Amino acid sequence: MDWKDVGFSGNYIGLGNYITLFTKDVTFKTTLLNTLKLSAIFVGVTIPLGLMLAILLDFKIVAKKFFRLIFLLPLSFSFVASASMWVWMFSPQVGVINSLLKLVGLQSYTQPWITSSMQSLFCIAIVYIWQFSGFSTLVYYAGISGVPDDIREAARIDGANKFQEYSKIVIPMQKPATLTVLVILLMYSLKVFDLVYLLTGGGPGRSSEVLSTLMYEVTFNRNLFGQGAAIGIVMFVISMIIILPFFIRKRASYYE
């Protein structure tokens, strides 16, 4: 339906909204690419980072509880609080990052960060990685803690060092944890809205616009409810295309 206002009247246009999105709307193609880029960076970094932090927590280190708290602390932050903090840190004039670079004599490396069309999407990815690395760490730490001690002890008796113990036994046994983290992060990354809207609003220009912010703009700012719904359906289909193979594989392995 081609709805342009709140009400029950509308013109049936079939697949017209989808045809417009994929053939005429350059903005949609840009935001789709931005969404996929953000998802790739976010998921591709958060998973190995969480695994490394979980392995670090598995070692008998001093102040283990303190480090566990530090790793998990970002999870407790609201998106508004996180966005406010990172907007200040990324500020080109008074931000912490540029101030530290100037302090150590690296003034030539200062950047405009979220105000740059080249770097804004990367900056958003950094914030999401920081926010969700604790979740990834928590899942992996639970998985590593669940590895039976007798298996690890048997490996040590057979002469395995720490590297071999983790690379040959502990990490390969984290496939269920990896699948859990991967599915959840992928699902979330394809519908990110909060931090994108709060940090950059999709700008500068359309450099950090993603599908969810475009859907919001099209639906509520332009009152093109039909196109907004079409974008939502596209997001759902992309999510299913990416996620379903994992569930099918998991179901198949369950019956093997």
C-alpha atoms as a PDB file:
ATOM      1  CA  MET A   1       0.000   0.000   0.000  1.00  0.00           C
ATOM      2  CA  ASP A   2       1.066   3.572  -0.693  1.00  0.00           C
ATOM      3  CA  TRP A   3       0.157   5.309   2.591  1.00  0.00           C
ATOM      4  CA  LYS A   4       1.234   8.918   3.002  1.00  0.00           C
ATOM      5  CA  ASP A   5      -0.715   9.815   6.140  1.00  0.00           C
ATOM      6  CA  VAL A   6      -2.334   8.229   9.143  1.00  0.00           C
ATOM      7  CA  GLY A   7      -5.639   6.662   8.166  1.00  0.00           C
ATOM      8  CA  PHE A   8      -7.206   3.744   6.363  1.00  0.00           C
ATOM      9  CA  SER A   9      -7.147   5.075   2.826  1.00  0.00           C
ATOM     10  CA  GLY A  10      -4.357   4.136   0.450  1.00  0.00           C
ATOM     11  CA  ASN A  11      -3.523   3.094  -3.075  1.00  0.00           C
ATOM     12  CA  TYR A  12      -2.534  -0.502  -3.736  1.00  0.00           C
ATOM     13  CA  ILE A  13       0.728  -0.427  -5.695  1.00  0.00           C
ATOM     14  CA  GLY A  14       1.861  -4.033  -5.363  1.00  0.00           C
ATOM     15  CA  LEU A  15       5.652  -4.237  -5.160  1.00  0.00           C
ATOM     16  CA  GLY A  16       6.048  -0.582  -6.074  1.00  0.00           C
ATOM     17  CA  ASN A  17       7.729   0.385  -2.801  1.00  0.00           C
ATOM     18  CA  TYR A  18      10.308  -2.392  -3.145  1.00  0.00           C
ATOM     19  CA  ILE A  19      10.980  -1.519  -6.788  1.00  0.00           C
ATOM     20  CA  THR A  20      11.511   2.108  -5.780  1.00  0.00           C
ATOM     21  CA  LEU A  21      13.916   1.127  -3.014  1.00  0.00           C
ATOM     22  CA  PHE A  22      16.107  -1.137  -5.129  1.00  0.00           C
ATOM     23  CA  THR A  23      16.045   0.727  -8.456  1.00  0.00           C
ATOM     24  CA  LYS A  24      15.481   4.423  -7.784  1.00  0.00           C
ATOM     25  CA  ASP A  25      16.451   5.184  -4.199  1.00  0.00           C
ATOM     26  CA  VAL A  26      20.218   5.780  -4.051  1.00  0.00           C
ATOM     27  CA  THR A  27      19.960   6.538  -0.329  1.00  0.00           C
ATOM     28  CA  PHE A  28      18.604   3.057   0.370  1.00  0.00           C
ATOM     29  CA  LYS A  29      21.553   1.410  -1.377  1.00  0.00           C
ATOM     30  CA  THR A  30      23.983   3.556   0.615  1.00  0.00           C
ATOM     31  CA  THR A  31      22.319   2.768   3.936  1.00  0.00           C
ATOM     32  CA  LEU A  32      22.131  -0.943   3.111  1.00  0.00           C
ATOM     33  CA  LEU A  33      25.875  -0.979   2.423  1.00  0.00           C
ATOM     34  CA  ASN A  34      26.529   0.993   5.630  1.00  0.00           C
ATOM     35  CA  THR A  35      24.465  -1.496   7.633  1.00  0.00           C
ATOM     36  CA  LEU A  36      26.389  -4.464   6.238  1.00  0.00           C
ATOM     37  CA  LYS A  37      29.733  -2.716   6.841  1.00  0.00           C
ATOM     38  CA  LEU A  38      28.803  -1.879  10.421  1.00  0.00           C
ATOM     39  CA  SER A  39      27.610  -5.444  11.029  1.00  0.00           C
ATOM     40  CA  ALA A  40      30.824  -6.919   9.623  1.00  0.00           C
ATOM     41  CA  ILE A  41      33.086  -4.704  11.760  1.00  0.00           C
ATOM     42  CA  PHE A  42      30.960  -5.030  14.897  1.00  0.00           C
ATOM     43  CA  VAL A  43      30.548  -8.810  14.804  1.00  0.00           C
ATOM     44  CA  GLY A  44      34.004  -9.493  13.341  1.00  0.00           C
ATOM     45  CA  VAL A  45      35.762  -7.701  16.210  1.00  0.00           C
ATOM     46  CA  THR A  46      33.418  -8.329  19.153  1.00  0.00           C
ATOM     47  CA  ILE A  47      33.537 -12.137  18.908  1.00  0.00           C
ATOM     48  CA  PRO A  48      37.351 -12.635  18.956  1.00  0.00           C
ATOM     49  CA  LEU A  49      37.740  -9.805  21.477  1.00  0.00           C
ATOM     50  CA  GLY A  50      35.224 -11.438  23.813  1.00  0.00           C
ATOM     51  CA  LEU A  51      36.979 -14.791  23.451  1.00  0.00           C
ATOM     52  CA  MET A  52      40.378 -13.280  24.262  1.00  0.00           C
ATOM     53  CA  LEU A  53      39.024 -11.455  27.319  1.00  0.00           C
ATOM     54  CA  ALA A  54      37.288 -14.633  28.522  1.00  0.00           C
ATOM     55  CA  ILE A  55      40.545 -16.589  28.187  1.00  0.00           C
ATOM     56  CA  LEU A  56      42.327 -13.848  30.130  1.00  0.00           C
ATOM     57  CA  LEU A  57      39.741 -14.128  32.908  1.00  0.00           C
ATOM     58  CA  ASP A  58      40.242 -17.899  32.954  1.00  0.00           C
ATOM     59  CA  PHE A  59      43.870 -17.413  33.972  1.00  0.00           C
ATOM     60  CA  LYS A  60      44.668 -17.093  37.658  1.00  0.00           C
ATOM     61  CA  ILE A  61      45.523 -13.421  37.647  1.00  0.00           C
ATOM     62  CA  VAL A  62      45.693 -10.831  40.406  1.00  0.00           C
ATOM     63  CA  ALA A  63      42.502  -8.778  40.898  1.00  0.00           C
ATOM     64  CA  LYS A  64      40.510 -11.153  38.691  1.00  0.00           C
ATOM     65  CA  LYS A  65      37.170  -9.910  40.047  1.00  0.00           C
ATOM     66  CA  PHE A  66      38.170  -6.316  39.364  1.00  0.00           C
ATOM     67  CA  PHE A  67      38.998  -7.049  35.719  1.00  0.00           C
ATOM     68  CA  ARG A  68      35.779  -9.028  35.355  1.00  0.00           C
ATOM     69  CA  LEU A  69      33.880  -5.974  36.588  1.00  0.00           C
ATOM     70  CA  ILE A  70      35.746  -3.679  34.171  1.00  0.00           C
ATOM     71  CA  PHE A  71      35.049  -5.953  31.189  1.00  0.00           C
ATOM     72  CA  LEU A  72      31.346  -6.244  32.006  1.00  0.00           C
ATOM     73  CA  LEU A  73      30.790  -2.620  33.078  1.00  0.00           C
ATOM     74  CA  PRO A  74      29.851  -1.284  29.594  1.00  0.00           C
ATOM     75  CA  LEU A  75      26.869  -3.657  29.568  1.00  0.00           C
ATOM     76  CA  SER A  76      25.320  -1.688  32.433  1.00  0.00           C
ATOM     77  CA  PHE A  77      25.487   1.637  30.569  1.00  0.00           C
ATOM     78  CA  SER A  78      22.367   2.923  28.869  1.00  0.00           C
ATOM     79  CA  PHE A  79      22.736   3.882  25.216  1.00  0.00           C
ATOM     80  CA  VAL A  80      22.073   7.531  26.091  1.00  0.00           C
ATOM     81  CA  ALA A  81      24.863   7.556  28.684  1.00  0.00           C
ATOM     82  CA  SER A  82      27.240   5.756  26.317  1.00  0.00           C
ATOM     83  CA  ALA A  83      26.468   8.129  23.458  1.00  0.00           C
ATOM     84  CA  SER A  84      26.957  11.215  25.649  1.00  0.00           C
ATOM     85  CA  MET A  85      30.325   9.944  26.866  1.00  0.00           C
ATOM     86  CA  TRP A  86      31.609   8.979  23.415  1.00  0.00           C
ATOM     87  CA  VAL A  87      30.408  12.199  21.745  1.00  0.00           C
ATOM     88  CA  TRP A  88      32.564  14.060  24.247  1.00  0.00           C
ATOM     89  CA  MET A  89      35.518  11.685  23.714  1.00  0.00           C
ATOM     90  CA  PHE A  90      35.276  11.977  19.919  1.00  0.00           C
ATOM     91  CA  SER A  91      34.931  15.771  19.946  1.00  0.00           C
ATOM     92  CA  PRO A  92      37.551  17.257  17.565  1.00  0.00           C
ATOM     93  CA  GLN A  93      38.098  20.316  19.792  1.00  0.00           C
ATOM     94  CA  VAL A  94      37.809  19.174  23.420  1.00  0.00           C
ATOM     95  CA  GLY A  95      37.620  15.384  23.069  1.00  0.00           C
ATOM     96  CA  VAL A  96      39.759  13.084  25.196  1.00  0.00           C
ATOM     97  CA  ILE A  97      41.191  11.178  22.227  1.00  0.00           C
ATOM     98  CA  ASN A  98      42.539  14.217  20.385  1.00  0.00           C
ATOM     99  CA  SER A  99      43.698  15.774  23.672  1.00  0.00           C
ATOM    100  CA  LEU A 100      45.748  12.670  24.488  1.00  0.00           C
ATOM    101  CA  LEU A 101      47.256  12.628  21.005  1.00  0.00           C
ATOM    102  CA  LYS A 102      48.310  16.268  21.417  1.00  0.00           C
ATOM    103  CA  LEU A 103      49.668  15.549  24.894  1.00  0.00           C
ATOM    104  CA  VAL A 104      52.051  12.854  23.628  1.00  0.00           C
ATOM    105  CA  GLY A 105      53.177  14.926  20.646  1.00  0.00           C
ATOM    106  CA  LEU A 106      51.051  13.207  17.995  1.00  0.00           C
ATOM    107  CA  GLN A 107      49.059  16.273  17.013  1.00  0.00           C
ATOM    108  CA  SER A 108      49.318  15.342  13.330  1.00  0.00           C
ATOM    109  CA  TYR A 109      47.240  12.216  14.090  1.00  0.00           C
ATOM    110  CA  THR A 110      44.252  14.102  15.511  1.00  0.00           C
ATOM    111  CA  GLN A 111      41.056  13.410  13.587  1.00  0.00           C
ATOM    112  CA  PRO A 112      37.571  14.895  13.207  1.00  0.00           C
ATOM    113  CA  TRP A 113      36.177  11.447  14.159  1.00  0.00           C
ATOM    114  CA  ILE A 114      32.350  11.391  14.152  1.00  0.00           C
ATOM    115  CA  THR A 115      32.170  14.680  12.260  1.00  0.00           C
ATOM    116  CA  SER A 116      34.047  13.111   9.331  1.00  0.00           C
ATOM    117  CA  SER A 117      32.158  11.298   6.599  1.00  0.00           C
ATOM    118  CA  MET A 118      35.125   8.921   6.238  1.00  0.00           C
ATOM    119  CA  GLN A 119      35.342   7.945   9.918  1.00  0.00           C
ATOM    120  CA  SER A 120      31.860   8.312  11.418  1.00  0.00           C
ATOM    121  CA  LEU A 121      30.738   4.741  10.683  1.00  0.00           C
ATOM    122  CA  PHE A 122      33.996   3.336  12.063  1.00  0.00           C
ATOM    123  CA  CYS A 123      33.554   5.411  15.246  1.00  0.00           C
ATOM    124  CA  ILE A 124      30.032   4.051  15.715  1.00  0.00           C
ATOM    125  CA  ALA A 125      31.406   0.517  15.320  1.00  0.00           C
ATOM    126  CA  ILE A 126      33.971   1.224  18.057  1.00  0.00           C
ATOM    127  CA  VAL A 127      31.215   2.289  20.466  1.00  0.00           C
ATOM    128  CA  TYR A 128      29.119  -0.795  19.723  1.00  0.00           C
ATOM    129  CA  ILE A 129      32.164  -3.049  20.177  1.00  0.00           C
ATOM    130  CA  TRP A 130      32.917  -1.385  23.512  1.00  0.00           C
ATOM    131  CA  GLN A 131      29.283  -1.718  24.617  1.00  0.00           C
ATOM    132  CA  PHE A 132      28.812  -5.377  23.664  1.00  0.00           C
ATOM    133  CA  SER A 133      32.263  -6.899  24.207  1.00  0.00           C
ATOM    134  CA  GLY A 134      31.211  -7.581  27.799  1.00  0.00           C
ATOM    135  CA  PHE A 135      28.295  -9.692  26.594  1.00  0.00           C
ATOM    136  CA  SER A 136      30.580 -11.704  24.323  1.00  0.00           C
ATOM    137  CA  THR A 137      33.064 -12.116  27.170  1.00  0.00           C
ATOM    138  CA  LEU A 138      30.337 -13.285  29.547  1.00  0.00           C
ATOM    139  CA  VAL A 139      29.058 -15.990  27.186  1.00  0.00           C
ATOM    140  CA  TYR A 140      32.552 -17.255  26.382  1.00  0.00           C
ATOM    141  CA  TYR A 141      33.613 -17.205  30.026  1.00  0.00           C
ATOM    142  CA  ALA A 142      30.596 -19.346  30.912  1.00  0.00           C
ATOM    143  CA  GLY A 143      31.530 -21.736  28.100  1.00  0.00           C
ATOM    144  CA  ILE A 144      35.177 -21.953  29.154  1.00  0.00           C
ATOM    145  CA  SER A 145      34.185 -22.484  32.788  1.00  0.00           C
ATOM    146  CA  GLY A 146      32.023 -25.382  31.622  1.00  0.00           C
ATOM    147  CA  VAL A 147      34.947 -27.314  30.133  1.00  0.00           C
ATOM    148  CA  PRO A 148      35.450 -30.367  32.410  1.00  0.00           C
ATOM    149  CA  ASP A 149      38.557 -30.092  34.572  1.00  0.00           C
ATOM    150  CA  ASP A 150      39.462 -33.742  34.015  1.00  0.00           C
ATOM    151  CA  ILE A 151      39.836 -33.146  30.260  1.00  0.00           C
ATOM    152  CA  ARG A 152      42.160 -30.208  30.820  1.00  0.00           C
ATOM    153  CA  GLU A 153      44.077 -32.093  33.491  1.00  0.00           C
ATOM    154  CA  ALA A 154      44.524 -35.069  31.150  1.00  0.00           C
ATOM    155  CA  ALA A 155      45.939 -32.743  28.498  1.00  0.00           C
ATOM    156  CA  ARG A 156      48.447 -31.327  30.985  1.00  0.00           C
ATOM    157  CA  ILE A 157      49.500 -34.820  32.031  1.00  0.00           C
ATOM    158  CA  ASP A 158      50.093 -35.669  28.367  1.00  0.00           C
ATOM    159  CA  GLY A 159      52.476 -32.718  28.174  1.00  0.00           C
ATOM    160  CA  ALA A 160      50.273 -30.015  26.659  1.00  0.00           C
ATOM    161  CA  ASN A 161      51.327 -26.459  27.425  1.00  0.00           C
ATOM    162  CA  LYS A 162      48.886 -23.589  27.997  1.00  0.00           C
ATOM    163  CA  PHE A 163      48.758 -22.621  24.328  1.00  0.00           C
ATOM    164  CA  GLN A 164      48.029 -26.193  23.255  1.00  0.00           C
ATOM    165  CA  GLU A 165      45.453 -26.598  26.016  1.00  0.00           C
ATOM    166  CA  TYR A 166      43.460 -23.612  24.791  1.00  0.00           C
ATOM    167  CA  SER A 167      44.000 -24.038  21.052  1.00  0.00           C
ATOM    168  CA  LYS A 168      43.327 -27.794  20.942  1.00  0.00           C
ATOM    169  CA  ILE A 169      40.758 -28.270  23.703  1.00  0.00           C
ATOM    170  CA  VAL A 170      39.168 -25.154  25.198  1.00  0.00           C
ATOM    171  CA  ILE A 171      38.582 -23.026  22.087  1.00  0.00           C
ATOM    172  CA  PRO A 172      37.253 -25.877  19.873  1.00  0.00           C
ATOM    173  CA  MET A 173      34.706 -26.654  22.609  1.00  0.00           C
ATOM    174  CA  GLN A 174      33.310 -23.105  22.376  1.00  0.00           C
ATOM    175  CA  LYS A 175      31.360 -23.681  19.150  1.00  0.00           C
ATOM    176  CA  PRO A 176      27.954 -23.493  20.922  1.00  0.00           C
ATOM    177  CA  ALA A 177      28.999 -20.251  22.631  1.00  0.00           C
ATOM    178  CA  THR A 178      30.254 -18.848  19.326  1.00  0.00           C
ATOM    179  CA  LEU A 179      26.979 -19.695  17.613  1.00  0.00           C
ATOM    180  CA  THR A 180      24.997 -18.028  20.398  1.00  0.00           C
ATOM    181  CA  VAL A 181      27.077 -14.853  20.315  1.00  0.00           C
ATOM    182  CA  LEU A 182      27.143 -14.757  16.511  1.00  0.00           C
ATOM    183  CA  VAL A 183      23.374 -15.062  16.124  1.00  0.00           C
ATOM    184  CA  ILE A 184      22.561 -12.484  18.801  1.00  0.00           C
ATOM    185  CA  LEU A 185      25.126  -9.947  17.576  1.00  0.00           C
ATOM    186  CA  LEU A 186      24.090 -10.378  13.943  1.00  0.00           C
ATOM    187  CA  MET A 187      20.428  -9.933  14.814  1.00  0.00           C
ATOM    188  CA  TYR A 188      21.205  -6.788  16.756  1.00  0.00           C
ATOM    189  CA  SER A 189      23.682  -5.340  14.263  1.00  0.00           C
ATOM    190  CA  LEU A 190      21.122  -5.450  11.448  1.00  0.00           C
ATOM    191  CA  LYS A 191      18.661  -3.321  13.403  1.00  0.00           C
ATOM    192  CA  VAL A 192      20.995  -0.905  15.193  1.00  0.00           C
ATOM    193  CA  PHE A 193      19.370   2.446  15.834  1.00  0.00           C
ATOM    194  CA  ASP A 194      20.026   3.908  19.277  1.00  0.00           C
ATOM    195  CA  LEU A 195      23.712   4.780  19.162  1.00  0.00           C
ATOM    196  CA  VAL A 196      23.664   5.697  15.467  1.00  0.00           C
ATOM    197  CA  TYR A 197      20.829   8.156  16.037  1.00  0.00           C
ATOM    198  CA  LEU A 198      22.387   9.576  19.211  1.00  0.00           C
ATOM    199  CA  LEU A 199      25.995   9.802  17.978  1.00  0.00           C
ATOM    200  CA  THR A 200      25.651  11.082  14.414  1.00  0.00           C
ATOM    201  CA  GLY A 201      21.981  11.018  13.433  1.00  0.00           C
ATOM    202  CA  GLY A 202      23.126   9.221  10.289  1.00  0.00           C
ATOM    203  CA  GLY A 203      25.491  11.989   9.235  1.00  0.00           C
ATOM    204  CA  PRO A 204      27.564  13.709   8.105  1.00  0.00           C
ATOM    205  CA  GLY A 205      25.505  13.511   4.958  1.00  0.00           C
ATOM    206  CA  ARG A 206      24.480   9.859   4.740  1.00  0.00           C
ATOM    207  CA  SER A 207      27.881   8.477   5.702  1.00  0.00           C
ATOM    208  CA  SER A 208      26.636   6.670   8.826  1.00  0.00           C
ATOM    209  CA  GLU A 209      22.977   6.218   7.893  1.00  0.00           C
ATOM    210  CA  VAL A 210      21.744   2.657   8.478  1.00  0.00           C
ATOM    211  CA  LEU A 211      18.504   0.926   7.550  1.00  0.00           C
ATOM    212  CA  SER A 212      16.805   1.518  10.896  1.00  0.00           C
ATOM    213  CA  THR A 213      17.505   5.271  10.925  1.00  0.00           C
ATOM    214  CA  LEU A 214      16.411   5.521   7.294  1.00  0.00           C
ATOM    215  CA  MET A 215      13.190   3.682   8.138  1.00  0.00           C
ATOM    216  CA  TYR A 216      12.568   6.137  10.981  1.00  0.00           C
ATOM    217  CA  GLU A 217      13.191   9.132   8.728  1.00  0.00           C
ATOM    218  CA  VAL A 218      11.058   7.840   5.844  1.00  0.00           C
ATOM    219  CA  THR A 219       8.179   6.840   8.110  1.00  0.00           C
ATOM    220  CA  PHE A 220       7.972   9.701  10.593  1.00  0.00           C
ATOM    221  CA  ASN A 221       9.685  12.640   8.881  1.00  0.00           C
ATOM    222  CA  ARG A 222       8.445  12.106   5.328  1.00  0.00           C
ATOM    223  CA  ASN A 223       5.199  10.309   6.300  1.00  0.00           C
ATOM    224  CA  LEU A 224       5.858   7.610   3.673  1.00  0.00           C
ATOM    225  CA  PHE A 225       4.510   4.754   5.732  1.00  0.00           C
ATOM    226  CA  GLY A 226       4.471   2.304   2.829  1.00  0.00           C
ATOM    227  CA  GLN A 227       8.158   2.799   2.076  1.00  0.00           C
ATOM    228  CA  GLY A 228       9.009   2.650   5.766  1.00  0.00           C
ATOM    229  CA  ALA A 229       7.208  -0.683   6.074  1.00  0.00           C
ATOM    230  CA  ALA A 230       9.033  -1.943   2.972  1.00  0.00           C
ATOM    231  CA  ILE A 231      12.397  -1.091   4.555  1.00  0.00           C
ATOM    232  CA  GLY A 232      11.327  -2.980   7.676  1.00  0.00           C
ATOM    233  CA  ILE A 233      10.437  -6.047   5.606  1.00  0.00           C
ATOM    234  CA  VAL A 234      13.805  -5.872   3.821  1.00  0.00           C
ATOM    235  CA  MET A 235      15.562  -5.786   7.212  1.00  0.00           C
ATOM    236  CA  PHE A 236      13.567  -8.826   8.318  1.00  0.00           C
ATOM    237  CA  VAL A 237      14.381 -10.772   5.139  1.00  0.00           C
ATOM    238  CA  ILE A 238      18.104  -9.980   5.412  1.00  0.00           C
ATOM    239  CA  SER A 239      18.071 -11.120   9.042  1.00  0.00           C
ATOM    240  CA  MET A 240      16.384 -14.396   8.109  1.00  0.00           C
ATOM    241  CA  ILE A 241      18.790 -15.034   5.216  1.00  0.00           C
ATOM    242  CA  ILE A 242      21.749 -14.637   7.558  1.00  0.00           C
ATOM    243  CA  ILE A 243      20.348 -16.351  10.644  1.00  0.00           C
ATOM    244  CA  LEU A 244      18.366 -19.309   9.262  1.00  0.00           C
ATOM    245  CA  PRO A 245      21.408 -21.308   8.033  1.00  0.00           C
ATOM    246  CA  PHE A 246      22.799 -21.318  11.575  1.00  0.00           C
ATOM    247  CA  PHE A 247      19.548 -22.653  13.031  1.00  0.00           C
ATOM    248  CA  ILE A 248      19.228 -25.252  10.270  1.00  0.00           C
ATOM    249  CA  ARG A 249      22.776 -26.432  10.898  1.00  0.00           C
ATOM    250  CA  LYS A 250      22.199 -26.545  14.645  1.00  0.00           C
ATOM    251  CA  ARG A 251      18.976 -28.526  14.175  1.00  0.00           C
ATOM    252  CA  ALA A 252      20.724 -30.962  11.817  1.00  0.00           C
ATOM    253  CA  SER A 253      23.580 -31.512  14.271  1.00  0.00           C
ATOM    254  CA  TYR A 254      21.045 -32.123  17.049  1.00  0.00           C
ATOM    255  CA  TYR A 255      19.507 -35.074  15.190  1.00  0.00           C
ATOM    256  CA  GLU A 256      22.838 -36.575  14.124  1.00  0.00           C
END
